[in-house]
PDB file of all heavy atoms in Angstrom:
ATOM      1  N   ARG A   1     -12.816   6.923   3.997  1.00  0.00           N
ATOM      2  CA  ARG A   1     -13.281   6.283   5.201  1.00  0.00           C
ATOM      3  C   ARG A   1     -14.577   5.495   4.937  1.00  0.00           C
ATOM      4  O   ARG A   1     -14.774   4.397   5.443  1.00  0.00           O
ATOM      5  CB  ARG A   1     -13.509   7.312   6.308  1.00  0.00           C
ATOM      6  CG  ARG A   1     -13.859   6.691   7.664  1.00  0.00           C
ATOM      7  CD  ARG A   1     -14.110   7.765   8.736  1.00  0.00           C
ATOM      8  NE  ARG A   1     -12.948   8.591   8.891  1.00  0.00           N
ATOM      9  CZ  ARG A   1     -12.913   9.891   8.549  1.00  0.00           C
ATOM     10  NH1 ARG A   1     -13.981  10.435   7.963  1.00  0.00           N
ATOM     11  NH2 ARG A   1     -11.826  10.592   8.738  1.00  0.00           N
ATOM     12  N   THR A   2     -15.459   6.103   4.114  1.00  0.00           N
ATOM     13  CA  THR A   2     -16.706   5.402   3.768  1.00  0.00           C
ATOM     14  C   THR A   2     -16.402   4.113   2.997  1.00  0.00           C
ATOM     15  O   THR A   2     -17.025   3.058   3.273  1.00  0.00           O
ATOM     16  CB  THR A   2     -17.591   6.331   2.922  1.00  0.00           C
ATOM     17  OG1 THR A   2     -17.881   7.525   3.676  1.00  0.00           O
ATOM     18  CG2 THR A   2     -18.906   5.628   2.572  1.00  0.00           C
ATOM     19  N   GLN A   3     -15.437   4.180   2.083  1.00  0.00           N
ATOM     20  CA  GLN A   3     -15.058   2.985   1.313  1.00  0.00           C
ATOM     21  C   GLN A   3     -14.489   1.926   2.241  1.00  0.00           C
ATOM     22  O   GLN A   3     -14.798   0.745   2.137  1.00  0.00           O
ATOM     23  CB  GLN A   3     -14.078   3.336   0.224  1.00  0.00           C
ATOM     24  CG  GLN A   3     -14.639   4.188  -0.893  1.00  0.00           C
ATOM     25  CD  GLN A   3     -13.607   4.512  -1.957  1.00  0.00           C
ATOM     26  OE1 GLN A   3     -12.441   4.182  -1.816  1.00  0.00           O
ATOM     27  NE2 GLN A   3     -14.064   5.165  -3.032  1.00  0.00           N
ATOM     28  N   VAL A   4     -13.643   2.355   3.195  1.00  0.00           N
ATOM     29  CA  VAL A   4     -13.041   1.387   4.124  1.00  0.00           C
ATOM     30  C   VAL A   4     -14.103   0.765   4.988  1.00  0.00           C
ATOM     31  O   VAL A   4     -14.118  -0.464   5.244  1.00  0.00           O
ATOM     32  CB  VAL A   4     -11.974   2.098   4.979  1.00  0.00           C
ATOM     33  CG1 VAL A   4     -11.513   1.165   6.113  1.00  0.00           C
ATOM     34  CG2 VAL A   4     -10.780   2.495   4.120  1.00  0.00           C
ATOM     35  N   MET A   5     -15.056   1.591   5.476  1.00  0.00           N
ATOM     36  CA  MET A   5     -16.125   1.057   6.292  1.00  0.00           C
ATOM     37  C   MET A   5     -17.005   0.063   5.495  1.00  0.00           C
ATOM     38  O   MET A   5     -17.408  -0.990   6.020  1.00  0.00           O
ATOM     39  CB  MET A   5     -16.987   2.179   6.857  1.00  0.00           C
ATOM     40  CG  MET A   5     -16.291   3.071   7.880  1.00  0.00           C
ATOM     41  SD  MET A   5     -17.281   4.499   8.394  1.00  0.00           S
ATOM     42  CE  MET A   5     -18.672   3.677   9.123  1.00  0.00           C
ATOM     43  N   ARG A   6     -17.264   0.391   4.234  1.00  0.00           N
ATOM     44  CA  ARG A   6     -18.052  -0.522   3.391  1.00  0.00           C
ATOM     45  C   ARG A   6     -17.303  -1.838   3.199  1.00  0.00           C
ATOM     46  O   ARG A   6     -17.864  -2.922   3.263  1.00  0.00           O
ATOM     47  CB  ARG A   6     -18.334   0.138   2.045  1.00  0.00           C
ATOM     48  CG  ARG A   6     -19.258  -0.724   1.140  1.00  0.00           C
ATOM     49  CD  ARG A   6     -19.507  -0.031  -0.202  1.00  0.00           C
ATOM     50  NE  ARG A   6     -20.194   1.222  -0.028  1.00  0.00           N
ATOM     51  CZ  ARG A   6     -19.635   2.398  -0.305  1.00  0.00           C
ATOM     52  NH1 ARG A   6     -18.383   2.458  -0.743  1.00  0.00           N
ATOM     53  NH2 ARG A   6     -20.322   3.499  -0.154  1.00  0.00           N
ATOM     54  N   ALA A   7     -15.976  -1.699   2.939  1.00  0.00           N
ATOM     55  CA  ALA A   7     -15.163  -2.918   2.778  1.00  0.00           C
ATOM     56  C   ALA A   7     -15.144  -3.734   4.074  1.00  0.00           C
ATOM     57  O   ALA A   7     -15.210  -4.973   4.041  1.00  0.00           O
ATOM     58  CB  ALA A   7     -13.736  -2.549   2.352  1.00  0.00           C
ATOM     59  N   ASP A   8     -15.048  -3.010   5.254  1.00  0.00           N
ATOM     60  CA  ASP A   8     -15.059  -3.741   6.519  1.00  0.00           C
ATOM     61  C   ASP A   8     -16.392  -4.452   6.734  1.00  0.00           C
ATOM     62  O   ASP A   8     -16.437  -5.599   7.216  1.00  0.00           O
ATOM     63  CB  ASP A   8     -14.823  -2.739   7.676  1.00  0.00           C
ATOM     64  CG  ASP A   8     -13.380  -2.254   7.701  1.00  0.00           C
ATOM     65  OD1 ASP A   8     -12.544  -2.891   7.051  1.00  0.00           O
ATOM     66  OD2 ASP A   8     -13.134  -1.244   8.363  1.00  0.00           O
ATOM     67  N   ARG A   9     -17.493  -3.773   6.363  1.00  0.00           N
ATOM     68  CA  ARG A   9     -18.800  -4.439   6.508  1.00  0.00           C
ATOM     69  C   ARG A   9     -18.911  -5.666   5.602  1.00  0.00           C
ATOM     70  O   ARG A   9     -19.429  -6.700   6.003  1.00  0.00           O
ATOM     71  CB  ARG A   9     -19.924  -3.442   6.194  1.00  0.00           C
ATOM     72  CG  ARG A   9     -20.127  -2.410   7.284  1.00  0.00           C
ATOM     73  CD  ARG A   9     -21.469  -1.732   7.137  1.00  0.00           C
ATOM     74  NE  ARG A   9     -21.569  -0.982   5.879  1.00  0.00           N
ATOM     75  CZ  ARG A   9     -21.230   0.294   5.716  1.00  0.00           C
ATOM     76  NH1 ARG A   9     -20.761   0.964   6.779  1.00  0.00           N
ATOM     77  NH2 ARG A   9     -21.355   0.901   4.560  1.00  0.00           N
ATOM     78  N   LEU A  10     -18.410  -5.510   4.372  1.00  0.00           N
ATOM     79  CA  LEU A  10     -18.448  -6.651   3.453  1.00  0.00           C
ATOM     80  C   LEU A  10     -17.598  -7.815   3.978  1.00  0.00           C
ATOM     81  O   LEU A  10     -17.961  -8.974   3.890  1.00  0.00           O
ATOM     82  CB  LEU A  10     -17.996  -6.239   2.053  1.00  0.00           C
ATOM     83  CG  LEU A  10     -18.939  -5.296   1.301  1.00  0.00           C
ATOM     84  CD1 LEU A  10     -18.325  -4.849  -0.011  1.00  0.00           C
ATOM     85  CD2 LEU A  10     -20.279  -5.999   1.039  1.00  0.00           C
ATOM     86  N   ALA A  11     -16.420  -7.457   4.526  1.00  0.00           N
ATOM     87  CA  ALA A  11     -15.554  -8.485   5.056  1.00  0.00           C
ATOM     88  C   ALA A  11     -16.201  -9.162   6.273  1.00  0.00           C
ATOM     89  O   ALA A  11     -16.152 -10.389   6.433  1.00  0.00           O
ATOM     90  CB  ALA A  11     -14.193  -7.870   5.488  1.00  0.00           C
ATOM     91  N   ALA A  12     -16.844  -8.348   7.127  1.00  0.00           N
ATOM     92  CA  ALA A  12     -17.536  -8.912   8.291  1.00  0.00           C
ATOM     93  C   ALA A  12     -18.676  -9.816   7.837  1.00  0.00           C
ATOM     94  O   ALA A  12     -18.924 -10.906   8.409  1.00  0.00           O
ATOM     95  CB  ALA A  12     -18.041  -7.776   9.201  1.00  0.00           C
ATOM     96  N   LEU A  13     -19.398  -9.314   6.778  1.00  0.00           N
ATOM     97  CA  LEU A  13     -20.495 -10.145   6.277  1.00  0.00           C
ATOM     98  C   LEU A  13     -19.960 -11.464   5.705  1.00  0.00           C
ATOM     99  O   LEU A  13     -20.570 -12.520   5.903  1.00  0.00           O
ATOM    100  CB  LEU A  13     -21.240  -9.370   5.187  1.00  0.00           C
ATOM    101  CG  LEU A  13     -22.463 -10.074   4.567  1.00  0.00           C
ATOM    102  CD1 LEU A  13     -23.497 -10.413   5.675  1.00  0.00           C
ATOM    103  CD2 LEU A  13     -23.077  -9.209   3.487  1.00  0.00           C
ATOM    104  N   GLY A  14     -18.821 -11.401   5.013  1.00  0.00           N
ATOM    105  CA  GLY A  14     -18.204 -12.631   4.499  1.00  0.00           C
ATOM    106  C   GLY A  14     -17.829 -13.579   5.618  1.00  0.00           C
ATOM    107  O   GLY A  14     -18.072 -14.808   5.510  1.00  0.00           O
ATOM    108  N   GLU A  15     -17.209 -13.019   6.688  1.00  0.00           N
ATOM    109  CA  GLU A  15     -16.869 -13.873   7.817  1.00  0.00           C
ATOM    110  C   GLU A  15     -18.112 -14.475   8.465  1.00  0.00           C
ATOM    111  O   GLU A  15     -18.137 -15.631   8.889  1.00  0.00           O
ATOM    112  CB  GLU A  15     -16.074 -13.047   8.838  1.00  0.00           C
ATOM    113  CG  GLU A  15     -14.703 -12.637   8.364  1.00  0.00           C
ATOM    114  CD  GLU A  15     -13.955 -11.838   9.422  1.00  0.00           C
ATOM    115  OE1 GLU A  15     -14.496 -11.707  10.529  1.00  0.00           O
ATOM    116  OE2 GLU A  15     -12.833 -11.360   9.127  1.00  0.00           O
ATOM    117  N   LEU A  16     -19.154 -13.615   8.563  1.00  0.00           N
ATOM    118  CA  LEU A  16     -20.398 -14.100   9.139  1.00  0.00           C
ATOM    119  C   LEU A  16     -20.982 -15.244   8.310  1.00  0.00           C
ATOM    120  O   LEU A  16     -21.401 -16.304   8.837  1.00  0.00           O
ATOM    121  CB  LEU A  16     -21.411 -12.969   9.235  1.00  0.00           C
ATOM    122  CG  LEU A  16     -22.799 -13.320   9.794  1.00  0.00           C
ATOM    123  CD1 LEU A  16     -22.691 -13.845  11.217  1.00  0.00           C
ATOM    124  CD2 LEU A  16     -23.721 -12.115   9.737  1.00  0.00           C
ATOM    125  N   MET A  17     -21.016 -15.065   7.009  1.00  0.00           N
ATOM    126  CA  MET A  17     -21.557 -16.115   6.126  1.00  0.00           C
ATOM    127  C   MET A  17     -20.705 -17.393   6.220  1.00  0.00           C
ATOM    128  O   MET A  17     -21.232 -18.504   6.190  1.00  0.00           O
ATOM    129  CB  MET A  17     -21.615 -15.620   4.694  1.00  0.00           C
ATOM    130  CG  MET A  17     -22.649 -14.523   4.468  1.00  0.00           C
ATOM    131  SD  MET A  17     -24.361 -15.035   4.911  1.00  0.00           S
ATOM    132  CE  MET A  17     -24.526 -14.264   6.512  1.00  0.00           C
ATOM    133  N   ALA A  18     -19.392 -17.190   6.288  1.00  0.00           N
ATOM    134  CA  ALA A  18     -18.518 -18.365   6.407  1.00  0.00           C
ATOM    135  C   ALA A  18     -18.801 -19.114   7.715  1.00  0.00           C
ATOM    136  O   ALA A  18     -18.843 -20.343   7.763  1.00  0.00           O
ATOM    137  CB  ALA A  18     -17.050 -17.918   6.342  1.00  0.00           C
ATOM    138  N   GLY A  19     -19.015 -18.348   8.797  1.00  0.00           N
ATOM    139  CA  GLY A  19     -19.333 -18.991  10.075  1.00  0.00           C
ATOM    140  C   GLY A  19     -20.679 -19.693  10.029  1.00  0.00           C
ATOM    141  O   GLY A  19     -20.814 -20.807  10.536  1.00  0.00           O
ATOM    142  N   VAL A  20     -21.661 -19.006   9.405  1.00  0.00           N
ATOM    143  CA  VAL A  20     -22.985 -19.650   9.298  1.00  0.00           C
ATOM    144  C   VAL A  20     -22.882 -20.941   8.494  1.00  0.00           C
ATOM    145  O   VAL A  20     -23.433 -21.973   8.847  1.00  0.00           O
ATOM    146  CB  VAL A  20     -23.975 -18.663   8.644  1.00  0.00           C
ATOM    147  CG1 VAL A  20     -25.307 -19.381   8.306  1.00  0.00           C
ATOM    148  CG2 VAL A  20     -24.246 -17.477   9.570  1.00  0.00           C
ATOM    149  N   ALA A  21     -22.158 -20.875   7.353  1.00  0.00           N
ATOM    150  CA  ALA A  21     -22.007 -22.063   6.493  1.00  0.00           C
ATOM    151  C   ALA A  21     -21.322 -23.182   7.283  1.00  0.00           C
ATOM    152  O   ALA A  21     -21.714 -24.369   7.194  1.00  0.00           O
ATOM    153  CB  ALA A  21     -21.200 -21.730   5.237  1.00  0.00           C
ATOM    154  N   HIS A  22     -20.308 -22.842   8.067  1.00  0.00           N
ATOM    155  CA  HIS A  22     -19.583 -23.848   8.835  1.00  0.00           C
ATOM    156  C   HIS A  22     -20.505 -24.482   9.907  1.00  0.00           C
ATOM    157  O   HIS A  22     -20.511 -25.706  10.071  1.00  0.00           O
ATOM    158  CB  HIS A  22     -18.351 -23.198   9.507  1.00  0.00           C
ATOM    159  CG  HIS A  22     -17.631 -24.163  10.386  1.00  0.00           C
ATOM    160  ND1 HIS A  22     -16.855 -25.176   9.897  1.00  0.00           N
ATOM    161  CD2 HIS A  22     -17.552 -24.257  11.754  1.00  0.00           C
ATOM    162  CE1 HIS A  22     -16.323 -25.876  10.878  1.00  0.00           C
ATOM    163  NE2 HIS A  22     -16.722 -25.305  12.042  1.00  0.00           N
ATOM    164  N   GLU A  23     -21.261 -23.600  10.594  1.00  0.00           N
ATOM    165  CA  GLU A  23     -22.092 -24.124  11.676  1.00  0.00           C
ATOM    166  C   GLU A  23     -23.230 -24.971  11.135  1.00  0.00           C
ATOM    167  O   GLU A  23     -23.686 -25.926  11.785  1.00  0.00           O
ATOM    168  CB  GLU A  23     -22.657 -22.938  12.506  1.00  0.00           C
ATOM    169  CG  GLU A  23     -21.605 -22.188  13.271  1.00  0.00           C
ATOM    170  CD  GLU A  23     -20.934 -23.048  14.327  1.00  0.00           C
ATOM    171  OE1 GLU A  23     -21.624 -23.952  14.881  1.00  0.00           O
ATOM    172  OE2 GLU A  23     -19.749 -22.829  14.605  1.00  0.00           O
ATOM    173  N   ILE A  24     -23.731 -24.616   9.942  1.00  0.00           N
ATOM    174  CA  ILE A  24     -24.861 -25.388   9.377  1.00  0.00           C
ATOM    175  C   ILE A  24     -24.359 -26.629   8.660  1.00  0.00           C
ATOM    176  O   ILE A  24     -25.023 -27.668   8.665  1.00  0.00           O
ATOM    177  CB  ILE A  24     -25.669 -24.478   8.415  1.00  0.00           C
ATOM    178  CG1 ILE A  24     -26.372 -23.362   9.218  1.00  0.00           C
ATOM    179  CG2 ILE A  24     -26.699 -25.287   7.639  1.00  0.00           C
ATOM    180  CD1 ILE A  24     -27.122 -22.378   8.352  1.00  0.00           C
ATOM    181  N   ARG A  25     -23.181 -26.544   8.037  1.00  0.00           N
ATOM    182  CA  ARG A  25     -22.661 -27.709   7.272  1.00  0.00           C
ATOM    183  C   ARG A  25     -22.492 -28.940   8.160  1.00  0.00           C
ATOM    184  O   ARG A  25     -22.780 -30.048   7.755  1.00  0.00           O
ATOM    185  CB  ARG A  25     -21.352 -27.343   6.600  1.00  0.00           C
ATOM    186  CG  ARG A  25     -20.772 -28.521   5.752  1.00  0.00           C
ATOM    187  CD  ARG A  25     -19.399 -28.197   5.189  1.00  0.00           C
ATOM    188  NE  ARG A  25     -19.480 -27.129   4.187  1.00  0.00           N
ATOM    189  CZ  ARG A  25     -18.914 -25.965   4.350  1.00  0.00           C
ATOM    190  NH1 ARG A  25     -18.220 -25.717   5.454  1.00  0.00           N
ATOM    191  NH2 ARG A  25     -19.008 -25.043   3.423  1.00  0.00           N
ATOM    192  N   ASN A  26     -21.997 -28.734   9.397  1.00  0.00           N
ATOM    193  CA  ASN A  26     -21.735 -29.911  10.247  1.00  0.00           C
ATOM    194  C   ASN A  26     -23.011 -30.704  10.563  1.00  0.00           C
ATOM    195  O   ASN A  26     -23.057 -31.928  10.378  1.00  0.00           O
ATOM    196  CB  ASN A  26     -21.044 -29.465  11.543  1.00  0.00           C
ATOM    197  CG  ASN A  26     -19.634 -28.988  11.287  1.00  0.00           C
ATOM    198  OD1 ASN A  26     -19.005 -29.388  10.279  1.00  0.00           O
ATOM    199  ND2 ASN A  26     -19.087 -28.154  12.165  1.00  0.00           N
ATOM    200  N   PRO A  27     -24.083 -30.023  11.044  1.00  0.00           N
ATOM    201  CA  PRO A  27     -25.313 -30.823  11.287  1.00  0.00           C
ATOM    202  C   PRO A  27     -25.879 -31.403   9.995  1.00  0.00           C
ATOM    203  O   PRO A  27     -26.385 -32.544   9.972  1.00  0.00           O
ATOM    204  CB  PRO A  27     -26.273 -29.819  11.885  1.00  0.00           C
ATOM    205  CG  PRO A  27     -25.413 -28.758  12.465  1.00  0.00           C
ATOM    206  CD  PRO A  27     -24.213 -28.672  11.554  1.00  0.00           C
TER     207      PRO A  27
END
C-alpha cells in the first residue's frame, strides 16, 4: 500500500508538472 501510495503521489506530481508546463508554455 505504501508503494502504491508513493507511485500515486509520483503520478500526481507528474500530472501536476505536466499541467504547470502546459499552463506556462502558452504564455
